[in-house]
Amino acid sequence: QEFHAATLPLELYVSDTEAYMHELQTREPSVYVV
């Protein structure tokens, strides 16, 4: 079974732009779900 489990805000912060840039440069940019 596949569920739409929840909807949460994905927030981008100016202080984390280096981390986002690093992720965009990977072979497969991803979002991390906890």
PDB file of all heavy atoms in Angstrom:
ATOM      1  N   GLN A   1       0.846  -1.195   0.000  1.00  0.00           N
ATOM      2  CA  GLN A   1       0.000   0.000   0.000  1.00  0.00           C
ATOM      3  C   GLN A   1       0.883   1.248   0.000  1.00  0.00           C
ATOM      4  O   GLN A   1       1.943   1.257   0.622  1.00  0.00           O
ATOM      5  CB  GLN A   1      -0.892   0.054   1.249  1.00  0.00           C
ATOM      6  CG  GLN A   1      -2.027  -0.929   1.257  1.00  0.00           C
ATOM      7  CD  GLN A   1      -2.859  -0.757   2.517  1.00  0.00           C
ATOM      8  OE1 GLN A   1      -2.336  -0.892   3.622  1.00  0.00           O
ATOM      9  NE2 GLN A   1      -4.131  -0.475   2.360  1.00  0.00           N
ATOM     10  N   GLU A   2       0.417   2.281  -0.695  1.00  0.00           N
ATOM     11  CA  GLU A   2       1.078   3.581  -0.650  1.00  0.00           C
ATOM     12  C   GLU A   2       0.098   4.597  -0.095  1.00  0.00           C
ATOM     13  O   GLU A   2      -1.064   4.641  -0.512  1.00  0.00           O
ATOM     14  CB  GLU A   2       1.590   3.990  -2.024  1.00  0.00           C
ATOM     15  CG  GLU A   2       2.804   3.190  -2.446  1.00  0.00           C
ATOM     16  CD  GLU A   2       3.447   3.700  -3.716  1.00  0.00           C
ATOM     17  OE1 GLU A   2       2.927   4.660  -4.325  1.00  0.00           O
ATOM     18  OE2 GLU A   2       4.489   3.127  -4.107  1.00  0.00           O
ATOM     19  N   PHE A   3       0.581   5.405   0.842  1.00  0.00           N
ATOM     20  CA  PHE A   3      -0.249   6.383   1.535  1.00  0.00           C
ATOM     21  C   PHE A   3       0.292   7.789   1.310  1.00  0.00           C
ATOM     22  O   PHE A   3       1.500   7.988   1.247  1.00  0.00           O
ATOM     23  CB  PHE A   3      -0.231   6.133   3.050  1.00  0.00           C
ATOM     24  CG  PHE A   3      -0.714   4.789   3.479  1.00  0.00           C
ATOM     25  CD1 PHE A   3       0.172   3.720   3.603  1.00  0.00           C
ATOM     26  CD2 PHE A   3      -2.051   4.578   3.768  1.00  0.00           C
ATOM     27  CE1 PHE A   3      -0.258   2.482   4.024  1.00  0.00           C
ATOM     28  CE2 PHE A   3      -2.503   3.330   4.191  1.00  0.00           C
ATOM     29  CZ  PHE A   3      -1.603   2.272   4.316  1.00  0.00           C
ATOM     30  N   HIS A   4      -0.638   8.738   1.221  1.00  0.00           N
ATOM     31  CA  HIS A   4      -0.257  10.144   1.377  1.00  0.00           C
ATOM     32  C   HIS A   4      -0.304  10.351   2.890  1.00  0.00           C
ATOM     33  O   HIS A   4      -1.351  10.618   3.464  1.00  0.00           O
ATOM     34  CB  HIS A   4      -1.237  11.049   0.630  1.00  0.00           C
ATOM     35  CG  HIS A   4      -0.933  12.505   0.765  1.00  0.00           C
ATOM     36  ND1 HIS A   4      -1.728  13.471   0.210  1.00  0.00           N
ATOM     37  CD2 HIS A   4       0.065  13.180   1.391  1.00  0.00           C
ATOM     38  CE1 HIS A   4      -1.243  14.668   0.486  1.00  0.00           C
ATOM     39  NE2 HIS A   4      -0.156  14.511   1.208  1.00  0.00           N
ATOM     40  N   ALA A   5       0.862  10.192   3.531  1.00  0.00           N
ATOM     41  CA  ALA A   5       0.909  10.125   4.986  1.00  0.00           C
ATOM     42  C   ALA A   5       0.633  11.463   5.650  1.00  0.00           C
ATOM     43  O   ALA A   5      -0.098  11.536   6.636  1.00  0.00           O
ATOM     44  CB  ALA A   5       2.274   9.599   5.436  1.00  0.00           C
ATOM     45  N   ALA A   6       1.218  12.527   5.120  1.00  0.00           N
ATOM     46  CA  ALA A   6       1.058  13.852   5.731  1.00  0.00           C
ATOM     47  C   ALA A   6       1.567  14.908   4.765  1.00  0.00           C
ATOM     48  O   ALA A   6       2.264  14.602   3.803  1.00  0.00           O
ATOM     49  CB  ALA A   6       1.834  13.925   7.043  1.00  0.00           C
ATOM     50  N   THR A   7       1.202  16.152   5.034  1.00  0.00           N
ATOM     51  CA  THR A   7       1.734  17.293   4.290  1.00  0.00           C
ATOM     52  C   THR A   7       2.371  18.239   5.296  1.00  0.00           C
ATOM     53  O   THR A   7       1.714  18.681   6.235  1.00  0.00           O
ATOM     54  CB  THR A   7       0.626  18.008   3.503  1.00  0.00           C
ATOM     55  OG1 THR A   7       0.064  17.093   2.561  1.00  0.00           O
ATOM     56  CG2 THR A   7       1.177  19.220   2.763  1.00  0.00           C
ATOM     57  N   LEU A   8       3.651  18.489   5.088  1.00  0.00           N
ATOM     58  CA  LEU A   8       4.405  19.378   5.966  1.00  0.00           C
ATOM     59  C   LEU A   8       5.030  20.481   5.137  1.00  0.00           C
ATOM     60  O   LEU A   8       5.248  20.311   3.938  1.00  0.00           O
ATOM     61  CB  LEU A   8       5.524  18.617   6.689  1.00  0.00           C
ATOM     62  CG  LEU A   8       5.162  17.854   7.958  1.00  0.00           C
ATOM     63  CD1 LEU A   8       4.393  16.604   7.626  1.00  0.00           C
ATOM     64  CD2 LEU A   8       6.414  17.505   8.715  1.00  0.00           C
ATOM     65  N   PRO A   9       5.354  21.619   5.755  1.00  0.00           N
ATOM     66  CA  PRO A   9       6.038  22.673   4.998  1.00  0.00           C
ATOM     67  C   PRO A   9       7.517  22.330   4.802  1.00  0.00           C
ATOM     68  O   PRO A   9       8.187  21.940   5.749  1.00  0.00           O
ATOM     69  CB  PRO A   9       5.873  23.916   5.877  1.00  0.00           C
ATOM     70  CG  PRO A   9       5.672  23.389   7.254  1.00  0.00           C
ATOM     71  CD  PRO A   9       5.010  22.047   7.112  1.00  0.00           C
ATOM     72  N   LEU A  10       7.978  22.455   3.571  1.00  0.00           N
ATOM     73  CA  LEU A  10       9.406  22.371   3.290  1.00  0.00           C
ATOM     74  C   LEU A  10       9.907  23.805   3.323  1.00  0.00           C
ATOM     75  O   LEU A  10       9.538  24.612   2.476  1.00  0.00           O
ATOM     76  CB  LEU A  10       9.677  21.742   1.927  1.00  0.00           C
ATOM     77  CG  LEU A  10      11.141  21.780   1.488  1.00  0.00           C
ATOM     78  CD1 LEU A  10      11.989  20.855   2.358  1.00  0.00           C
ATOM     79  CD2 LEU A  10      11.279  21.407   0.031  1.00  0.00           C
ATOM     80  N   GLU A  11      10.725  24.117   4.309  1.00  0.00           N
ATOM     81  CA  GLU A  11      11.179  25.492   4.498  1.00  0.00           C
ATOM     82  C   GLU A  11      12.631  25.636   4.075  1.00  0.00           C
ATOM     83  O   GLU A  11      13.464  24.791   4.401  1.00  0.00           O
ATOM     84  CB  GLU A  11      11.000  25.911   5.959  1.00  0.00           C
ATOM     85  CG  GLU A  11       9.538  25.913   6.376  1.00  0.00           C
ATOM     86  CD  GLU A  11       9.320  26.362   7.807  1.00  0.00           C
ATOM     87  OE1 GLU A  11      10.288  26.795   8.460  1.00  0.00           O
ATOM     88  OE2 GLU A  11       8.173  26.280   8.262  1.00  0.00           O
ATOM     89  N   LEU A  12      12.905  26.696   3.339  1.00  0.00           N
ATOM     90  CA  LEU A  12      14.263  27.040   2.931  1.00  0.00           C
ATOM     91  C   LEU A  12      14.688  28.278   3.707  1.00  0.00           C
ATOM     92  O   LEU A  12      13.936  29.245   3.784  1.00  0.00           O
ATOM     93  CB  LEU A  12      14.326  27.325   1.426  1.00  0.00           C
ATOM     94  CG  LEU A  12      13.866  26.221   0.482  1.00  0.00           C
ATOM     95  CD1 LEU A  12      14.020  26.675  -0.964  1.00  0.00           C
ATOM     96  CD2 LEU A  12      14.631  24.925   0.719  1.00  0.00           C
ATOM     97  N   TYR A  13      15.893  28.230   4.263  1.00  0.00           N
ATOM     98  CA  TYR A  13      16.414  29.349   5.052  1.00  0.00           C
ATOM     99  C   TYR A  13      17.682  29.895   4.413  1.00  0.00           C
ATOM    100  O   TYR A  13      18.512  29.135   3.899  1.00  0.00           O
ATOM    101  CB  TYR A  13      16.728  28.905   6.490  1.00  0.00           C
ATOM    102  CG  TYR A  13      15.523  28.432   7.251  1.00  0.00           C
ATOM    103  CD1 TYR A  13      15.251  27.072   7.369  1.00  0.00           C
ATOM    104  CD2 TYR A  13      14.650  29.341   7.834  1.00  0.00           C
ATOM    105  CE1 TYR A  13      14.137  26.633   8.068  1.00  0.00           C
ATOM    106  CE2 TYR A  13      13.535  28.915   8.534  1.00  0.00           C
ATOM    107  CZ  TYR A  13      13.284  27.555   8.650  1.00  0.00           C
ATOM    108  OH  TYR A  13      12.177  27.123   9.334  1.00  0.00           O
ATOM    109  N   VAL A  14      17.850  31.200   4.469  1.00  0.00           N
ATOM    110  CA  VAL A  14      19.032  31.848   3.904  1.00  0.00           C
ATOM    111  C   VAL A  14      20.303  31.306   4.559  1.00  0.00           C
ATOM    112  O   VAL A  14      21.333  31.140   3.904  1.00  0.00           O
ATOM    113  CB  VAL A  14      18.928  33.385   4.072  1.00  0.00           C
ATOM    114  CG1 VAL A  14      20.233  34.066   3.705  1.00  0.00           C
ATOM    115  CG2 VAL A  14      17.798  33.926   3.224  1.00  0.00           C
ATOM    116  N   SER A  15      20.241  30.986   5.836  1.00  0.00           N
ATOM    117  CA  SER A  15      21.421  30.494   6.553  1.00  0.00           C
ATOM    118  C   SER A  15      21.871  29.113   6.075  1.00  0.00           C
ATOM    119  O   SER A  15      22.993  28.700   6.356  1.00  0.00           O
ATOM    120  CB  SER A  15      21.138  30.448   8.054  1.00  0.00           C
ATOM    121  OG  SER A  15      20.016  29.627   8.309  1.00  0.00           O
ATOM    122  N   ASP A  16      21.012  28.394   5.339  1.00  0.00           N
ATOM    123  CA  ASP A  16      21.338  27.026   4.900  1.00  0.00           C
ATOM    124  C   ASP A  16      21.617  26.917   3.409  1.00  0.00           C
ATOM    125  O   ASP A  16      21.611  25.812   2.856  1.00  0.00           O
ATOM    126  CB  ASP A  16      20.195  26.076   5.271  1.00  0.00           C
ATOM    127  CG  ASP A  16      20.052  25.884   6.762  1.00  0.00           C
ATOM    128  OD1 ASP A  16      21.029  26.121   7.488  1.00  0.00           O
ATOM    129  OD2 ASP A  16      18.955  25.497   7.203  1.00  0.00           O
ATOM    130  N   THR A  17      21.857  28.040   2.727  1.00  0.00           N
ATOM    131  CA  THR A  17      22.023  27.979   1.270  1.00  0.00           C
ATOM    132  C   THR A  17      23.220  27.135   0.850  1.00  0.00           C
ATOM    133  O   THR A  17      23.177  26.488  -0.200  1.00  0.00           O
ATOM    134  CB  THR A  17      22.149  29.393   0.662  1.00  0.00           C
ATOM    135  OG1 THR A  17      23.211  30.095   1.314  1.00  0.00           O
ATOM    136  CG2 THR A  17      20.852  30.159   0.779  1.00  0.00           C
ATOM    137  N   GLU A  18      24.261  27.105   1.656  1.00  0.00           N
ATOM    138  CA  GLU A  18      25.420  26.266   1.309  1.00  0.00           C
ATOM    139  C   GLU A  18      25.024  24.792   1.273  1.00  0.00           C
ATOM    140  O   GLU A  18      25.447  24.046   0.387  1.00  0.00           O
ATOM    141  CB  GLU A  18      26.546  26.482   2.313  1.00  0.00           C
ATOM    142  CG  GLU A  18      27.789  25.682   1.981  1.00  0.00           C
ATOM    143  CD  GLU A  18      28.884  25.801   3.024  1.00  0.00           C
ATOM    144  OE1 GLU A  18      28.836  26.743   3.841  1.00  0.00           O
ATOM    145  OE2 GLU A  18      29.772  24.952   3.016  1.00  0.00           O
ATOM    146  N   ALA A  19      24.201  24.361   2.224  1.00  0.00           N
ATOM    147  CA  ALA A  19      23.739  22.968   2.265  1.00  0.00           C
ATOM    148  C   ALA A  19      22.872  22.650   1.045  1.00  0.00           C
ATOM    149  O   ALA A  19      23.013  21.589   0.432  1.00  0.00           O
ATOM    150  CB  ALA A  19      22.960  22.713   3.551  1.00  0.00           C
ATOM    151  N   TYR A  20      21.967  23.570   0.673  1.00  0.00           N
ATOM    152  CA  TYR A  20      21.113  23.338  -0.500  1.00  0.00           C
ATOM    153  C   TYR A  20      21.951  23.254  -1.763  1.00  0.00           C
ATOM    154  O   TYR A  20      21.697  22.426  -2.643  1.00  0.00           O
ATOM    155  CB  TYR A  20      20.068  24.446  -0.643  1.00  0.00           C
ATOM    156  CG  TYR A  20      19.243  24.703   0.593  1.00  0.00           C
ATOM    157  CD1 TYR A  20      18.874  26.003   0.944  1.00  0.00           C
ATOM    158  CD2 TYR A  20      18.829  23.673   1.432  1.00  0.00           C
ATOM    159  CE1 TYR A  20      18.121  26.265   2.082  1.00  0.00           C
ATOM    160  CE2 TYR A  20      18.080  23.924   2.572  1.00  0.00           C
ATOM    161  CZ  TYR A  20      17.730  25.220   2.889  1.00  0.00           C
ATOM    162  OH  TYR A  20      16.996  25.469   4.009  1.00  0.00           O
ATOM    163  N   MET A  21      22.963  24.121  -1.862  1.00  0.00           N
ATOM    164  CA  MET A  21      23.827  24.126  -3.032  1.00  0.00           C
ATOM    165  C   MET A  21      24.582  22.795  -3.136  1.00  0.00           C
ATOM    166  O   MET A  21      24.700  22.221  -4.218  1.00  0.00           O
ATOM    167  CB  MET A  21      24.817  25.293  -2.944  1.00  0.00           C
ATOM    168  CG  MET A  21      25.571  25.555  -4.215  1.00  0.00           C
ATOM    169  SD  MET A  21      26.398  27.163  -4.198  1.00  0.00           S
ATOM    170  CE  MET A  21      27.459  27.012  -2.791  1.00  0.00           C
ATOM    171  N   HIS A  22      25.034  22.303  -2.000  1.00  0.00           N
ATOM    172  CA  HIS A  22      25.726  21.009  -1.976  1.00  0.00           C
ATOM    173  C   HIS A  22      24.793  19.892  -2.456  1.00  0.00           C
ATOM    174  O   HIS A  22      25.195  19.039  -3.242  1.00  0.00           O
ATOM    175  CB  HIS A  22      26.226  20.716  -0.560  1.00  0.00           C
ATOM    176  CG  HIS A  22      26.863  19.381  -0.406  1.00  0.00           C
ATOM    177  ND1 HIS A  22      28.121  19.110  -0.851  1.00  0.00           N
ATOM    178  CD2 HIS A  22      26.382  18.228   0.129  1.00  0.00           C
ATOM    179  CE1 HIS A  22      28.409  17.837  -0.593  1.00  0.00           C
ATOM    180  NE2 HIS A  22      27.367  17.287   0.008  1.00  0.00           N
ATOM    181  N   GLU A  23      23.545  19.912  -2.006  1.00  0.00           N
ATOM    182  CA  GLU A  23      22.578  18.869  -2.401  1.00  0.00           C
ATOM    183  C   GLU A  23      22.251  18.950  -3.890  1.00  0.00           C
ATOM    184  O   GLU A  23      22.132  17.923  -4.565  1.00  0.00           O
ATOM    185  CB  GLU A  23      21.303  18.987  -1.566  1.00  0.00           C
ATOM    186  CG  GLU A  23      20.290  17.899  -1.827  1.00  0.00           C
ATOM    187  CD  GLU A  23      20.801  16.501  -1.485  1.00  0.00           C
ATOM    188  OE1 GLU A  23      21.589  16.348  -0.537  1.00  0.00           O
ATOM    189  OE2 GLU A  23      20.409  15.554  -2.194  1.00  0.00           O
ATOM    190  N   LEU A  24      22.111  20.152  -4.418  1.00  0.00           N
ATOM    191  CA  LEU A  24      21.798  20.310  -5.844  1.00  0.00           C
ATOM    192  C   LEU A  24      22.926  19.821  -6.738  1.00  0.00           C
ATOM    193  O   LEU A  24      22.698  19.500  -7.904  1.00  0.00           O
ATOM    194  CB  LEU A  24      21.483  21.777  -6.156  1.00  0.00           C
ATOM    195  CG  LEU A  24      20.166  22.313  -5.594  1.00  0.00           C
ATOM    196  CD1 LEU A  24      20.086  23.822  -5.786  1.00  0.00           C
ATOM    197  CD2 LEU A  24      18.976  21.621  -6.222  1.00  0.00           C
ATOM    198  N   GLN A  25      24.146  19.754  -6.227  1.00  0.00           N
ATOM    199  CA  GLN A  25      25.286  19.308  -7.021  1.00  0.00           C
ATOM    200  C   GLN A  25      25.487  17.799  -6.987  1.00  0.00           C
ATOM    201  O   GLN A  25      26.363  17.281  -7.669  1.00  0.00           O
ATOM    202  CB  GLN A  25      26.566  20.011  -6.543  1.00  0.00           C
ATOM    203  CG  GLN A  25      26.558  21.495  -6.823  1.00  0.00           C
ATOM    204  CD  GLN A  25      27.704  22.232  -6.150  1.00  0.00           C
ATOM    205  OE1 GLN A  25      28.434  21.676  -5.326  1.00  0.00           O
ATOM    206  NE2 GLN A  25      27.858  23.501  -6.502  1.00  0.00           N
ATOM    207  N   THR A  26      24.681  17.073  -6.229  1.00  0.00           N
ATOM    208  CA  THR A  26      24.801  15.613  -6.182  1.00  0.00           C
ATOM    209  C   THR A  26      24.206  15.004  -7.442  1.00  0.00           C
ATOM    210  O   THR A  26      23.505  15.667  -8.205  1.00  0.00           O
ATOM    211  CB  THR A  26      24.090  15.032  -4.948  1.00  0.00           C
ATOM    212  OG1 THR A  26      22.690  15.360  -5.007  1.00  0.00           O
ATOM    213  CG2 THR A  26      24.688  15.566  -3.659  1.00  0.00           C
ATOM    214  N   ARG A  27      24.488  13.727  -7.647  1.00  0.00           N
ATOM    215  CA  ARG A  27      23.995  13.036  -8.841  1.00  0.00           C
ATOM    216  C   ARG A  27      22.464  13.022  -8.884  1.00  0.00           C
ATOM    217  O   ARG A  27      21.861  13.178  -9.924  1.00  0.00           O
ATOM    218  CB  ARG A  27      24.522  11.599  -8.859  1.00  0.00           C
ATOM    219  CG  ARG A  27      24.107  10.826 -10.093  1.00  0.00           C
ATOM    220  CD  ARG A  27      24.708   9.448 -10.101  1.00  0.00           C
ATOM    221  NE  ARG A  27      26.159   9.550 -10.182  1.00  0.00           N
ATOM    222  CZ  ARG A  27      26.983   8.552  -9.917  1.00  0.00           C
ATOM    223  NH1 ARG A  27      26.503   7.384  -9.531  1.00  0.00           N
ATOM    224  NH2 ARG A  27      28.285   8.709 -10.018  1.00  0.00           N
ATOM    225  N   GLU A  28      21.844  12.812  -7.722  1.00  0.00           N
ATOM    226  CA  GLU A  28      20.377  12.798  -7.647  1.00  0.00           C
ATOM    227  C   GLU A  28      19.936  13.674  -6.475  1.00  0.00           C
ATOM    228  O   GLU A  28      19.844  13.206  -5.345  1.00  0.00           O
ATOM    229  CB  GLU A  28      19.866  11.369  -7.468  1.00  0.00           C
ATOM    230  CG  GLU A  28      18.361  11.265  -7.498  1.00  0.00           C
ATOM    231  CD  GLU A  28      17.860   9.841  -7.285  1.00  0.00           C
ATOM    232  OE1 GLU A  28      18.683   8.925  -7.113  1.00  0.00           O
ATOM    233  OE2 GLU A  28      16.642   9.666  -7.277  1.00  0.00           O
ATOM    234  N   PRO A  29      19.677  14.967  -6.718  1.00  0.00           N
ATOM    235  CA  PRO A  29      19.227  15.836  -5.622  1.00  0.00           C
ATOM    236  C   PRO A  29      17.984  15.264  -4.942  1.00  0.00           C
ATOM    237  O   PRO A  29      17.080  14.762  -5.621  1.00  0.00           O
ATOM    238  CB  PRO A  29      18.925  17.161  -6.321  1.00  0.00           C
ATOM    239  CG  PRO A  29      19.768  17.134  -7.553  1.00  0.00           C
ATOM    240  CD  PRO A  29      19.791  15.687  -7.983  1.00  0.00           C
ATOM    241  N   SER A  30      17.964  15.345  -3.634  1.00  0.00           N
ATOM    242  CA  SER A  30      16.896  14.707  -2.867  1.00  0.00           C
ATOM    243  C   SER A  30      16.377  15.601  -1.764  1.00  0.00           C
ATOM    244  O   SER A  30      17.000  16.581  -1.377  1.00  0.00           O
ATOM    245  CB  SER A  30      17.401  13.400  -2.248  1.00  0.00           C
ATOM    246  OG  SER A  30      17.873  12.517  -3.228  1.00  0.00           O
ATOM    247  N   VAL A  31      15.223  15.195  -1.255  1.00  0.00           N
ATOM    248  CA  VAL A  31      14.623  15.767  -0.055  1.00  0.00           C
ATOM    249  C   VAL A  31      14.751  14.687   1.014  1.00  0.00           C
ATOM    250  O   VAL A  31      14.643  13.495   0.721  1.00  0.00           O
ATOM    251  CB  VAL A  31      13.140  16.121  -0.303  1.00  0.00           C
ATOM    252  CG1 VAL A  31      12.451  16.505   0.983  1.00  0.00           C
ATOM    253  CG2 VAL A  31      13.023  17.238  -1.311  1.00  0.00           C
ATOM    254  N   TYR A  32      14.984  15.091   2.242  1.00  0.00           N
ATOM    255  CA  TYR A  32      15.145  14.143   3.337  1.00  0.00           C
ATOM    256  C   TYR A  32      13.869  14.136   4.179  1.00  0.00           C
ATOM    257  O   TYR A  32      13.418  15.178   4.635  1.00  0.00           O
ATOM    258  CB  TYR A  32      16.363  14.510   4.181  1.00  0.00           C
ATOM    259  CG  TYR A  32      17.635  14.405   3.382  1.00  0.00           C
ATOM    260  CD1 TYR A  32      18.034  15.446   2.533  1.00  0.00           C
ATOM    261  CD2 TYR A  32      18.404  13.258   3.423  1.00  0.00           C
ATOM    262  CE1 TYR A  32      19.180  15.335   1.762  1.00  0.00           C
ATOM    263  CE2 TYR A  32      19.556  13.146   2.657  1.00  0.00           C
ATOM    264  CZ  TYR A  32      19.927  14.184   1.831  1.00  0.00           C
ATOM    265  OH  TYR A  32      21.052  14.072   1.059  1.00  0.00           O
ATOM    266  N   VAL A  33      13.310  12.939   4.353  1.00  0.00           N
ATOM    267  CA  VAL A  33      12.071  12.766   5.108  1.00  0.00           C
ATOM    268  C   VAL A  33      12.412  12.049   6.408  1.00  0.00           C
ATOM    269  O   VAL A  33      13.039  10.982   6.393  1.00  0.00           O
ATOM    270  CB  VAL A  33      11.036  11.944   4.304  1.00  0.00           C
ATOM    271  CG1 VAL A  33       9.777  11.703   5.123  1.00  0.00           C
ATOM    272  CG2 VAL A  33      10.711  12.637   2.988  1.00  0.00           C
ATOM    273  N   VAL A  34      11.996  12.628   7.529  1.00  0.00           N
ATOM    274  CA  VAL A  34      12.252  12.031   8.842  1.00  0.00           C
ATOM    275  C   VAL A  34      10.946  11.432   9.363  1.00  0.00           C
ATOM    276  O   VAL A  34       9.946  12.135   9.509  1.00  0.00           O
ATOM    277  CB  VAL A  34      12.788  13.081   9.839  1.00  0.00           C
ATOM    278  CG1 VAL A  34      13.028  12.451  11.205  1.00  0.00           C
ATOM    279  CG2 VAL A  34      14.074  13.711   9.313  1.00  0.00           C
TER     280      VAL A  34
END
